[in-house]
Protein backbone atom coordinates (compact mmCIF):
# COMPACT_ATOMS: atom_id res chain seq x y z
CA MET A 1 0.00 0.00 0.00
CA LYS A 2 1.48 3.33 -1.07
CA VAL A 3 1.29 6.20 1.44
CA ASN A 4 1.25 9.82 0.29
CA SER A 5 4.73 11.07 1.24
CA ARG A 6 3.47 14.58 2.04
CA LEU A 7 0.90 13.28 4.54
CA THR A 8 3.31 11.06 6.49
CA PRO A 9 5.28 13.87 8.25
CA LEU A 10 2.05 15.75 9.03
CA THR A 11 0.46 12.62 10.50
CA MET A 12 3.54 11.95 12.62
CA LEU A 13 3.57 15.55 13.88
CA CYS A 14 -0.15 15.46 14.77
CA THR A 15 0.27 12.14 16.58
CA PHE A 16 3.25 13.45 18.57
CA LEU A 17 1.51 16.68 19.54
CA LEU A 18 -1.71 15.00 20.59
CA SER A 19 0.01 12.20 22.52
CA HIS A 20 2.30 14.72 24.26
CA ALA A 21 -0.66 16.93 25.11
CA ALA A 22 -2.75 14.02 26.36
CA ILE A 23 0.03 12.77 28.66
CA ALA A 24 1.13 16.18 29.93
CA GLN A 25 -2.19 17.92 30.66
CA PRO A 26 -5.96 17.56 30.45
CA LEU A 27 -7.46 18.54 27.10
CA GLU A 28 -9.96 21.29 26.44
CA LEU A 29 -12.68 20.97 23.80
CA SER A 30 -14.18 24.17 22.42
CA VAL A 31 -17.13 24.48 20.04
CA MET A 32 -17.96 27.86 18.49
CA PHE A 33 -20.57 29.17 16.06
CA GLY A 34 -20.59 32.45 14.16
CA GLN A 35 -20.21 34.25 10.84
CA ILE A 36 -17.30 34.50 8.40
CA TYR A 37 -17.02 37.42 5.99
CA GLY A 38 -15.02 36.95 2.77
CA PRO A 39 -13.83 39.03 -0.17
CA ASP A 40 -15.59 39.31 -3.52
CA LEU A 41 -14.87 37.09 -6.48
CA VAL A 42 -14.68 38.48 -10.02
CA THR A 43 -15.98 37.64 -13.49
CA ASN A 44 -13.74 37.24 -16.54
CA ASP A 45 -14.09 41.00 -17.23
CA ASN A 46 -13.22 41.84 -13.57
CA SER A 47 -16.75 42.73 -12.46
CA ASP A 48 -17.38 41.95 -8.80
CA ILE A 49 -19.29 38.86 -7.68
CA ASN A 50 -20.54 39.23 -4.11
CA ILE A 51 -20.36 36.25 -1.80
CA ASP A 52 -22.49 36.05 1.32
CA SER A 53 -21.27 35.96 4.89
CA GLY A 54 -21.43 32.28 5.72
CA ASN A 55 -22.38 30.57 8.96
CA ASN A 56 -19.44 28.74 10.44
CA MET A 57 -18.71 26.10 13.04
CA ALA A 58 -15.33 25.74 14.72
CA VAL A 59 -14.04 22.88 16.86
CA GLY A 60 -10.80 23.18 18.80
CA ILE A 61 -8.76 20.82 20.96
CA ALA A 62 -6.34 22.63 23.27
CA TRP A 63 -3.80 21.69 25.91
CA GLN A 64 -2.21 23.86 28.60
CA GLU A 65 1.46 24.64 27.96
CA ASN A 66 1.73 26.73 31.14
CA VAL A 67 -0.48 29.03 33.22
CA ASN A 68 -0.53 31.71 30.50
CA ALA A 69 -0.32 29.68 27.27
CA GLN A 70 -2.17 26.99 25.35
CA GLY A 71 -1.51 24.97 22.22
CA GLN A 72 -4.51 24.24 20.01
CA ILE A 73 -5.63 22.39 16.90
CA LEU A 74 -8.56 24.30 15.37
CA LEU A 75 -10.89 23.22 12.56
CA ASN A 76 -13.24 25.86 11.16
CA ARG A 77 -15.74 25.28 8.35
CA VAL A 78 -17.75 27.86 6.40
CA SER A 79 -20.02 27.69 3.37
CA HIS A 80 -20.39 30.78 1.13
CA ASP A 81 -23.15 31.19 -1.46
CA PHE A 82 -22.83 33.36 -4.56
CA ILE A 83 -24.38 33.83 -8.00
CA GLY A 84 -21.75 33.15 -10.63
CA GLU A 85 -21.07 34.68 -14.01
CA ASN A 86 -23.43 32.10 -15.53
CA GLN A 87 -26.23 33.43 -13.21
CA ALA A 88 -26.43 30.05 -11.47
CA ASN A 89 -26.36 29.60 -7.70
CA ASN A 90 -22.92 28.44 -6.53
CA GLU A 91 -21.38 27.41 -3.26
CA LEU A 92 -17.82 27.67 -1.94
CA ASP A 93 -16.99 25.54 1.11
CA ILE A 94 -13.80 26.30 3.02
CA THR A 95 -12.31 24.23 5.84
CA TYR A 96 -9.45 25.78 7.83
CA ALA A 97 -7.14 23.49 9.84
CA HIS A 98 -4.62 25.37 12.01
CA PHE A 99 -2.11 24.76 14.79
CA ASN A 100 -2.49 27.73 17.16
CA GLY A 101 -0.49 29.20 19.99
CA ILE A 102 -2.71 31.06 22.47
CA ALA A 103 -1.52 33.62 25.03
CA LEU A 104 -3.80 34.03 28.07
CA TYR A 105 -3.99 37.36 29.93
CA ARG A 106 -5.87 36.64 33.18
CA GLN A 107 -7.96 38.92 35.39
CA GLN A 108 -9.60 36.52 37.87
CA ASN A 109 -12.40 34.67 35.98
CA TYR A 110 -12.09 36.89 32.90
CA VAL A 111 -9.33 36.07 30.38
CA THR A 112 -8.26 37.95 27.24
CA THR A 113 -6.70 35.72 24.56
CA LEU A 114 -4.35 36.39 21.65
CA SER A 115 -3.85 33.58 19.14
CA LEU A 116 -1.56 33.01 16.14
CA GLY A 117 -2.06 30.03 13.84
CA LEU A 118 -0.56 28.28 10.82
CA GLY A 119 -2.00 25.54 8.69
CA GLY A 120 -4.03 24.97 5.56
CA ALA A 121 -7.30 25.94 3.92
CA TYR A 122 -9.24 23.41 1.85
CA PHE A 123 -11.37 25.11 -0.83
CA ASP A 124 -14.21 23.11 -2.41
CA ALA A 125 -16.26 24.79 -5.16
CA GLU A 126 -19.64 23.17 -5.81
CA GLN A 127 -19.39 23.84 -9.57
CA GLY A 128 -15.66 23.40 -9.95
CA SER A 129 -12.78 21.65 -8.25
CA GLU A 130 -10.95 21.40 -4.91
CA GLU A 131 -7.64 22.91 -3.79
CA LEU A 132 -5.52 23.01 -0.63
CA TYR A 133 -3.64 26.25 0.15
CA PRO A 134 -1.32 27.43 2.97
CA SER A 135 -3.04 29.63 5.51
CA ALA A 136 -2.38 31.69 8.65
CA SER A 137 -4.61 33.33 11.22
CA VAL A 138 -4.59 35.81 14.10
CA ALA A 139 -7.32 36.11 16.72
CA LEU A 140 -8.33 38.23 19.69
CA GLY A 141 -10.79 36.69 22.12
CA THR A 142 -12.24 36.53 25.60
CA ARG A 143 -13.03 33.77 28.05
CA TYR A 144 -15.32 33.96 31.04
CA GLU A 145 -14.62 30.97 33.27
CA PHE A 146 -17.76 29.72 35.05
CA SER A 147 -15.70 27.03 36.75
CA LEU A 148 -12.36 25.26 36.41
CA GLN A 149 -13.92 23.03 33.73
CA MET A 150 -16.15 25.37 31.69
CA ALA A 151 -15.81 28.77 30.01
CA LEU A 152 -17.81 30.99 27.66
CA VAL A 153 -15.54 32.00 24.75
CA THR A 154 -15.80 34.76 22.14
CA GLU A 155 -13.40 35.35 19.27
CA LEU A 156 -12.59 37.71 16.42
CA ARG A 157 -10.30 35.94 13.92
CA ALA A 158 -8.73 36.93 10.60
CA TYR A 159 -7.59 34.30 8.09
CA ALA A 160 -5.07 34.96 5.32
CA THR A 161 -4.73 32.26 2.65
CA LEU A 162 -2.13 32.31 -0.12
CA ILE A 163 -3.89 31.17 -3.29
CA ASP A 164 -3.01 30.83 -6.95
CA GLU A 165 -5.40 33.29 -8.60
CA ASP A 166 -4.91 31.44 -11.91
CA ASP A 167 -6.34 28.20 -10.47
CA ALA A 168 -9.46 27.08 -12.31
CA LEU A 169 -11.25 26.34 -9.04
CA PHE A 170 -14.61 27.62 -10.29
CA CYS A 171 -14.38 26.10 -13.77
CA GLN A 172 -16.01 23.08 -15.42
CA GLN A 173 -15.33 22.09 -19.03
CA ASN A 174 -13.61 25.43 -19.84
CA MET A 175 -16.57 27.44 -18.44
CA CYS A 176 -15.81 29.49 -15.33
CA SER A 177 -18.50 30.83 -13.00
CA ALA A 178 -16.03 33.04 -11.07
CA ASN A 179 -12.36 33.84 -10.50
CA PHE A 180 -10.22 34.97 -7.59
CA SER A 181 -9.53 38.71 -7.57
CA ASP A 182 -6.16 38.46 -5.80
CA SER A 183 -3.53 35.96 -4.68
CA LEU A 184 -4.34 36.63 -1.00
CA TRP A 185 -7.75 35.49 0.27
CA ILE A 186 -8.59 37.29 3.53
CA GLU A 187 -11.60 36.41 5.67
CA SER A 188 -12.72 37.60 9.09
CA SER A 189 -14.88 35.75 11.58
CA ILE A 190 -16.81 36.46 14.74
CA ALA A 191 -17.78 33.52 16.92
CA VAL A 192 -19.09 32.57 20.35
CA GLY A 193 -19.06 29.20 22.06
CA ILE A 194 -18.24 26.99 25.03
CA ALA A 195 -14.93 25.45 26.16
CA ILE A 196 -14.94 22.36 28.39
CA LYS A 197 -11.90 20.73 30.04
CA PHE A 198 -11.84 16.97 30.49
């Protein structure tokens, strides 16, 4: 059985991080819901195509590095709708997968968080193809800790994804419903949720 050589190092890294985190400290599961706002797409003649702000769901698994820092694996999925150049309804699904470092600034039960993340963004166009791109994120958030095991979390996050604007992601049989306007895809999200330690 042939294993994809690019996936093997990533799998080994994920396994090491999760096993280290599980042995060293309890894990924290966070689930958040919110909105993600993205840039416009363009037609072949560079007219704007508006995409909607999509509902998103994020799931994170974090471990405590020390009193003021966490490591985290965060998955965030959003679905954007738009009307393409062919006047047909289209959908763009994006899944972000990031390794994050989180700094915690504590004031009793209230915590301000600053997060930096690196990873990938998986783009899946309903009338087109699929691509994986490198991605980074930065976030500012808050936590209100009800107890040692549970907290209400809020977050403002910006994603920057390096794309190839010449990719035919929105094309089928030489017909394109949309194109990227730039080589940097920037989205912003606002989310609220619950974090539980176990």
